[in-house]
PDB file of all heavy atoms in Angstrom:
ATOM      1  N   ARG A   1      89.496 270.192 106.624  1.00  0.00           N
ATOM      2  CA  ARG A   1      89.595 271.470 105.936  1.00  0.00           C
ATOM      3  C   ARG A   1      88.217 271.834 105.361  1.00  0.00           C
ATOM      4  O   ARG A   1      87.688 271.120 104.511  1.00  0.00           O
ATOM      5  CB  ARG A   1      90.658 271.368 104.828  1.00  0.00           C
ATOM      6  CG  ARG A   1      92.054 270.955 105.304  1.00  0.00           C
ATOM      7  CD  ARG A   1      92.907 270.331 104.197  1.00  0.00           C
ATOM      8  NE  ARG A   1      92.266 269.099 103.716  1.00  0.00           N
ATOM      9  CZ  ARG A   1      92.783 268.447 102.742  1.00  0.00           C
ATOM     10  NH1 ARG A   1      93.903 268.738 102.099  1.00  0.00           N
ATOM     11  NH2 ARG A   1      92.178 267.273 102.317  1.00  0.00           N
ATOM     12  N   ILE A   2      87.712 272.994 105.814  1.00  0.00           N
ATOM     13  CA  ILE A   2      86.357 273.410 105.447  1.00  0.00           C
ATOM     14  C   ILE A   2      86.454 274.529 104.426  1.00  0.00           C
ATOM     15  O   ILE A   2      87.226 275.432 104.606  1.00  0.00           O
ATOM     16  CB  ILE A   2      85.603 273.978 106.684  1.00  0.00           C
ATOM     17  CG1 ILE A   2      85.578 272.933 107.784  1.00  0.00           C
ATOM     18  CG2 ILE A   2      84.180 274.376 106.277  1.00  0.00           C
ATOM     19  CD1 ILE A   2      85.088 273.456 109.102  1.00  0.00           C
ATOM     20  N   VAL A   3      85.661 274.432 103.359  1.00  0.00           N
ATOM     21  CA  VAL A   3      85.569 275.534 102.346  1.00  0.00           C
ATOM     22  C   VAL A   3      84.129 276.046 102.302  1.00  0.00           C
ATOM     23  O   VAL A   3      83.193 275.335 102.710  1.00  0.00           O
ATOM     24  CB  VAL A   3      86.014 275.001 100.949  1.00  0.00           C
ATOM     25  CG1 VAL A   3      87.519 274.919 100.868  1.00  0.00           C
ATOM     26  CG2 VAL A   3      85.406 273.688 100.568  1.00  0.00           C
ATOM     27  N   THR A   4      83.970 277.207 101.799  1.00  0.00           N
ATOM     28  CA  THR A   4      82.673 277.906 101.642  1.00  0.00           C
ATOM     29  C   THR A   4      82.514 278.388 100.248  1.00  0.00           C
ATOM     30  O   THR A   4      83.405 278.335  99.425  1.00  0.00           O
ATOM     31  CB  THR A   4      82.543 279.013 102.665  1.00  0.00           C
ATOM     32  OG1 THR A   4      83.310 280.140 102.200  1.00  0.00           O
ATOM     33  CG2 THR A   4      83.011 278.620 104.062  1.00  0.00           C
ATOM     34  N   GLU A   5      81.383 279.077 100.032  1.00  0.00           N
ATOM     35  CA  GLU A   5      81.140 279.655  98.699  1.00  0.00           C
ATOM     36  C   GLU A   5      82.051 280.894  98.493  1.00  0.00           C
ATOM     37  O   GLU A   5      82.200 281.374  97.344  1.00  0.00           O
ATOM     38  CB  GLU A   5      79.703 280.062  98.497  1.00  0.00           C
ATOM     39  CG  GLU A   5      79.294 281.318  99.206  1.00  0.00           C
ATOM     40  CD  GLU A   5      78.912 281.124 100.711  1.00  0.00           C
ATOM     41  OE1 GLU A   5      79.157 279.991 101.185  1.00  0.00           O
ATOM     42  OE2 GLU A   5      78.436 282.068 101.364  1.00  0.00           O
ATOM     43  N   ARG A   6      82.680 281.337  99.549  1.00  0.00           N
ATOM     44  CA  ARG A   6      83.589 282.511  99.458  1.00  0.00           C
ATOM     45  C   ARG A   6      85.023 282.101  99.206  1.00  0.00           C
ATOM     46  O   ARG A   6      85.940 282.907  98.973  1.00  0.00           O
ATOM     47  CB  ARG A   6      83.562 283.343 100.770  1.00  0.00           C
ATOM     48  CG  ARG A   6      82.297 284.053 100.954  1.00  0.00           C
ATOM     49  CD  ARG A   6      82.362 284.864 102.287  1.00  0.00           C
ATOM     50  NE  ARG A   6      81.116 285.636 102.503  1.00  0.00           N
ATOM     51  CZ  ARG A   6      80.925 286.871 102.127  1.00  0.00           C
ATOM     52  NH1 ARG A   6      81.854 287.512 101.506  1.00  0.00           N
ATOM     53  NH2 ARG A   6      79.785 287.490 102.428  1.00  0.00           N
ATOM     54  N   THR A   7      85.318 280.772  99.278  1.00  0.00           N
ATOM     55  CA  THR A   7      86.733 280.332  99.221  1.00  0.00           C
ATOM     56  C   THR A   7      87.338 280.668  97.858  1.00  0.00           C
ATOM     57  O   THR A   7      86.796 280.376  96.813  1.00  0.00           O
ATOM     58  CB  THR A   7      86.800 278.803  99.381  1.00  0.00           C
ATOM     59  OG1 THR A   7      86.364 278.521 100.734  1.00  0.00           O
ATOM     60  CG2 THR A   7      88.222 278.268  99.230  1.00  0.00           C
ATOM     61  N   LYS A   8      88.508 281.259  97.905  1.00  0.00           N
ATOM     62  CA  LYS A   8      89.337 281.585  96.712  1.00  0.00           C
ATOM     63  C   LYS A   8      90.731 281.051  96.986  1.00  0.00           C
ATOM     64  O   LYS A   8      91.553 281.641  97.723  1.00  0.00           O
ATOM     65  CB  LYS A   8      89.367 283.026  96.397  1.00  0.00           C
ATOM     66  CG  LYS A   8      88.035 283.680  96.007  1.00  0.00           C
ATOM     67  CD  LYS A   8      88.136 285.151  95.765  1.00  0.00           C
ATOM     68  CE  LYS A   8      86.767 285.716  95.396  1.00  0.00           C
ATOM     69  NZ  LYS A   8      86.893 287.199  95.134  1.00  0.00           N
ATOM     70  N   MET A   9      91.005 279.853  96.464  1.00  0.00           N
ATOM     71  CA  MET A   9      92.226 279.141  96.884  1.00  0.00           C
ATOM     72  C   MET A   9      93.256 279.135  95.728  1.00  0.00           C
ATOM     73  O   MET A   9      92.938 278.991  94.539  1.00  0.00           O
ATOM     74  CB  MET A   9      91.861 277.672  97.205  1.00  0.00           C
ATOM     75  CG  MET A   9      93.035 276.786  97.614  1.00  0.00           C
ATOM     76  SD  MET A   9      92.506 275.071  97.901  1.00  0.00           S
ATOM     77  CE  MET A   9      91.625 275.259  99.417  1.00  0.00           C
ATOM     78  N   ALA A  10      94.522 279.324  96.123  1.00  0.00           N
ATOM     79  CA  ALA A  10      95.601 279.326  95.078  1.00  0.00           C
ATOM     80  C   ALA A  10      96.947 279.123  95.696  1.00  0.00           C
ATOM     81  O   ALA A  10      97.104 279.499  96.913  1.00  0.00           O
ATOM     82  CB  ALA A  10      95.546 280.551  94.231  1.00  0.00           C
ATOM     83  N   MET A  11      97.847 278.658  94.916  1.00  0.00           N
ATOM     84  CA  MET A  11      99.253 278.759  95.230  1.00  0.00           C
ATOM     85  C   MET A  11      99.881 279.565  94.123  1.00  0.00           C
ATOM     86  O   MET A  11     100.366 279.122  93.129  1.00  0.00           O
ATOM     87  CB  MET A  11      99.888 277.317  95.246  1.00  0.00           C
ATOM     88  CG  MET A  11      99.414 276.512  96.385  1.00  0.00           C
ATOM     89  SD  MET A  11      99.898 277.148  98.063  1.00  0.00           S
ATOM     90  CE  MET A  11     101.634 276.803  98.087  1.00  0.00           C
ATOM     91  N   PRO A  12      99.800 280.925  94.318  1.00  0.00           N
ATOM     92  CA  PRO A  12     100.131 281.866  93.204  1.00  0.00           C
ATOM     93  C   PRO A  12     101.597 282.398  93.188  1.00  0.00           C
ATOM     94  O   PRO A  12     101.853 283.454  92.594  1.00  0.00           O
ATOM     95  CB  PRO A  12      99.174 282.982  93.458  1.00  0.00           C
ATOM     96  CG  PRO A  12      99.094 283.064  94.978  1.00  0.00           C
ATOM     97  CD  PRO A  12      99.274 281.647  95.504  1.00  0.00           C
ATOM     98  N   GLU A  13     102.486 281.704  93.779  1.00  0.00           N
ATOM     99  CA  GLU A  13     103.847 282.189  93.942  1.00  0.00           C
ATOM    100  C   GLU A  13     104.575 282.505  92.663  1.00  0.00           C
ATOM    101  O   GLU A  13     105.386 283.486  92.616  1.00  0.00           O
ATOM    102  CB  GLU A  13     104.653 281.164  94.759  1.00  0.00           C
ATOM    103  CG  GLU A  13     104.317 281.120  96.251  1.00  0.00           C
ATOM    104  CD  GLU A  13     103.091 280.277  96.555  1.00  0.00           C
ATOM    105  OE1 GLU A  13     102.527 279.727  95.607  1.00  0.00           O
ATOM    106  OE2 GLU A  13     102.651 280.224  97.723  1.00  0.00           O
ATOM    107  N   VAL A  14     104.281 281.758  91.592  1.00  0.00           N
ATOM    108  CA  VAL A  14     104.949 282.051  90.312  1.00  0.00           C
ATOM    109  C   VAL A  14     104.606 283.473  89.781  1.00  0.00           C
ATOM    110  O   VAL A  14     105.323 284.038  88.988  1.00  0.00           O
ATOM    111  CB  VAL A  14     104.634 280.994  89.220  1.00  0.00           C
ATOM    112  CG1 VAL A  14     105.350 279.671  89.568  1.00  0.00           C
ATOM    113  CG2 VAL A  14     103.130 280.795  89.067  1.00  0.00           C
ATOM    114  N   ASN A  15     103.499 284.021  90.298  1.00  0.00           N
ATOM    115  CA  ASN A  15     103.096 285.406  89.951  1.00  0.00           C
ATOM    116  C   ASN A  15     104.191 286.402  90.345  1.00  0.00           C
ATOM    117  O   ASN A  15     104.336 287.427  89.738  1.00  0.00           O
ATOM    118  CB  ASN A  15     101.814 285.806  90.563  1.00  0.00           C
ATOM    119  CG  ASN A  15     100.651 284.920  90.240  1.00  0.00           C
ATOM    120  OD1 ASN A  15     100.833 283.864  89.640  1.00  0.00           O
ATOM    121  ND2 ASN A  15      99.433 285.347  90.588  1.00  0.00           N
ATOM    122  N   ILE A  16     104.858 286.138  91.451  1.00  0.00           N
ATOM    123  CA  ILE A  16     105.839 287.028  91.989  1.00  0.00           C
ATOM    124  C   ILE A  16     107.284 286.501  91.857  1.00  0.00           C
ATOM    125  O   ILE A  16     108.153 286.992  92.564  1.00  0.00           O
ATOM    126  CB  ILE A  16     105.519 287.414  93.414  1.00  0.00           C
ATOM    127  CG1 ILE A  16     105.527 286.159  94.324  1.00  0.00           C
ATOM    128  CG2 ILE A  16     104.249 288.261  93.507  1.00  0.00           C
ATOM    129  CD1 ILE A  16     105.539 286.511  95.836  1.00  0.00           C
ATOM    130  N   GLY A  17     107.497 285.514  91.059  1.00  0.00           N
ATOM    131  CA  GLY A  17     108.854 284.989  90.909  1.00  0.00           C
ATOM    132  C   GLY A  17     109.313 284.138  92.052  1.00  0.00           C
ATOM    133  O   GLY A  17     110.520 284.016  92.365  1.00  0.00           O
ATOM    134  N   LEU A  18     108.378 283.486  92.708  1.00  0.00           N
ATOM    135  CA  LEU A  18     108.688 282.478  93.753  1.00  0.00           C
ATOM    136  C   LEU A  18     108.195 281.160  93.339  1.00  0.00           C
ATOM    137  O   LEU A  18     107.849 280.962  92.176  1.00  0.00           O
ATOM    138  CB  LEU A  18     108.079 282.988  95.117  1.00  0.00           C
ATOM    139  CG  LEU A  18     108.600 282.377  96.418  1.00  0.00           C
ATOM    140  CD1 LEU A  18     110.078 282.657  96.567  1.00  0.00           C
ATOM    141  CD2 LEU A  18     107.834 282.959  97.604  1.00  0.00           C
ATOM    142  N   PHE A  19     108.101 280.180  94.230  1.00  0.00           N
ATOM    143  CA  PHE A  19     107.620 278.833  93.916  1.00  0.00           C
ATOM    144  C   PHE A  19     106.610 278.467  94.991  1.00  0.00           C
ATOM    145  O   PHE A  19     106.626 279.058  96.061  1.00  0.00           O
ATOM    146  CB  PHE A  19     108.762 277.850  93.865  1.00  0.00           C
ATOM    147  CG  PHE A  19     109.510 277.821  95.205  1.00  0.00           C
ATOM    148  CD1 PHE A  19     109.219 276.870  96.144  1.00  0.00           C
ATOM    149  CD2 PHE A  19     110.612 278.705  95.481  1.00  0.00           C
ATOM    150  CE1 PHE A  19     109.849 276.863  97.394  1.00  0.00           C
ATOM    151  CE2 PHE A  19     111.286 278.634  96.677  1.00  0.00           C
ATOM    152  CZ  PHE A  19     110.888 277.675  97.627  1.00  0.00           C
ATOM    153  N   PRO A  20     105.765 277.465  94.765  1.00  0.00           N
ATOM    154  CA  PRO A  20     104.751 277.095  95.751  1.00  0.00           C
ATOM    155  C   PRO A  20     105.392 276.395  96.929  1.00  0.00           C
ATOM    156  O   PRO A  20     105.645 275.173  96.909  1.00  0.00           O
ATOM    157  CB  PRO A  20     103.824 276.172  94.960  1.00  0.00           C
ATOM    158  CG  PRO A  20     104.628 275.648  93.871  1.00  0.00           C
ATOM    159  CD  PRO A  20     105.565 276.780  93.431  1.00  0.00           C
ATOM    160  N   ASP A  21     105.627 277.206  97.969  1.00  0.00           N
ATOM    161  CA  ASP A  21     106.400 276.660  99.137  1.00  0.00           C
ATOM    162  C   ASP A  21     105.462 276.128 100.231  1.00  0.00           C
ATOM    163  O   ASP A  21     104.386 275.684  99.979  1.00  0.00           O
ATOM    164  CB  ASP A  21     107.401 277.629  99.644  1.00  0.00           C
ATOM    165  CG  ASP A  21     106.798 278.921 100.139  1.00  0.00           C
ATOM    166  OD1 ASP A  21     105.652 279.251  99.768  1.00  0.00           O
ATOM    167  OD2 ASP A  21     107.413 279.651 100.936  1.00  0.00           O
ATOM    168  N   VAL A  22     105.794 276.362 101.459  1.00  0.00           N
ATOM    169  CA  VAL A  22     104.996 275.961 102.657  1.00  0.00           C
ATOM    170  C   VAL A  22     104.486 274.532 102.581  1.00  0.00           C
ATOM    171  O   VAL A  22     103.340 274.201 103.001  1.00  0.00           O
ATOM    172  CB  VAL A  22     103.854 276.942 102.962  1.00  0.00           C
ATOM    173  CG1 VAL A  22     104.364 278.329 103.322  1.00  0.00           C
ATOM    174  CG2 VAL A  22     102.835 277.066 101.842  1.00  0.00           C
ATOM    175  N   GLY A  23     105.291 273.636 101.975  1.00  0.00           N
ATOM    176  CA  GLY A  23     104.847 272.269 101.774  1.00  0.00           C
ATOM    177  C   GLY A  23     104.193 272.019 100.479  1.00  0.00           C
ATOM    178  O   GLY A  23     103.676 270.893 100.232  1.00  0.00           O
ATOM    179  N   GLY A  24     104.111 272.976  99.540  1.00  0.00           N
ATOM    180  CA  GLY A  24     103.498 272.769  98.262  1.00  0.00           C
ATOM    181  C   GLY A  24     104.110 271.663  97.510  1.00  0.00           C
ATOM    182  O   GLY A  24     103.459 270.966  96.722  1.00  0.00           O
ATOM    183  N   SER A  25     105.455 271.445  97.703  1.00  0.00           N
ATOM    184  CA  SER A  25     106.092 270.295  97.068  1.00  0.00           C
ATOM    185  C   SER A  25     105.403 268.992  97.386  1.00  0.00           C
ATOM    186  O   SER A  25     105.297 268.079  96.541  1.00  0.00           O
ATOM    187  CB  SER A  25     107.552 270.172  97.562  1.00  0.00           C
ATOM    188  OG  SER A  25     108.253 271.380  97.482  1.00  0.00           O
ATOM    189  N   TYR A  26     104.877 268.976  98.590  1.00  0.00           N
ATOM    190  CA  TYR A  26     104.237 267.720  99.110  1.00  0.00           C
ATOM    191  C   TYR A  26     102.765 267.655  98.659  1.00  0.00           C
ATOM    192  O   TYR A  26     102.292 266.694  98.059  1.00  0.00           O
ATOM    193  CB  TYR A  26     104.391 267.658 100.615  1.00  0.00           C
ATOM    194  CG  TYR A  26     103.817 266.382 101.229  1.00  0.00           C
ATOM    195  CD1 TYR A  26     104.621 265.259 101.284  1.00  0.00           C
ATOM    196  CD2 TYR A  26     102.574 266.256 101.699  1.00  0.00           C
ATOM    197  CE1 TYR A  26     104.193 264.033 101.854  1.00  0.00           C
ATOM    198  CE2 TYR A  26     102.060 265.095 102.274  1.00  0.00           C
ATOM    199  CZ  TYR A  26     102.917 264.008 102.338  1.00  0.00           C
ATOM    200  OH  TYR A  26     102.413 262.815 102.869  1.00  0.00           O
ATOM    201  N   PHE A  27     101.978 268.643  99.028  1.00  0.00           N
ATOM    202  CA  PHE A  27     100.514 268.554  98.817  1.00  0.00           C
ATOM    203  C   PHE A  27     100.115 268.797  97.424  1.00  0.00           C
ATOM    204  O   PHE A  27      99.143 268.227  96.958  1.00  0.00           O
ATOM    205  CB  PHE A  27      99.686 269.372  99.831  1.00  0.00           C
ATOM    206  CG  PHE A  27      99.915 270.865  99.852  1.00  0.00           C
ATOM    207  CD1 PHE A  27      99.401 271.641  98.821  1.00  0.00           C
ATOM    208  CD2 PHE A  27     100.632 271.514 100.850  1.00  0.00           C
ATOM    209  CE1 PHE A  27      99.507 273.051  98.891  1.00  0.00           C
ATOM    210  CE2 PHE A  27     100.810 272.875 100.919  1.00  0.00           C
ATOM    211  CZ  PHE A  27     100.261 273.623  99.903  1.00  0.00           C
TER     212      PHE A  27
END
């Protein structure tokens, strides 16, 4: 997994009333 100075990373699901899915439980 490569990141750069432009990377803006988040699991922001709680912002919209959801939860961090797509395997967020794991990672």
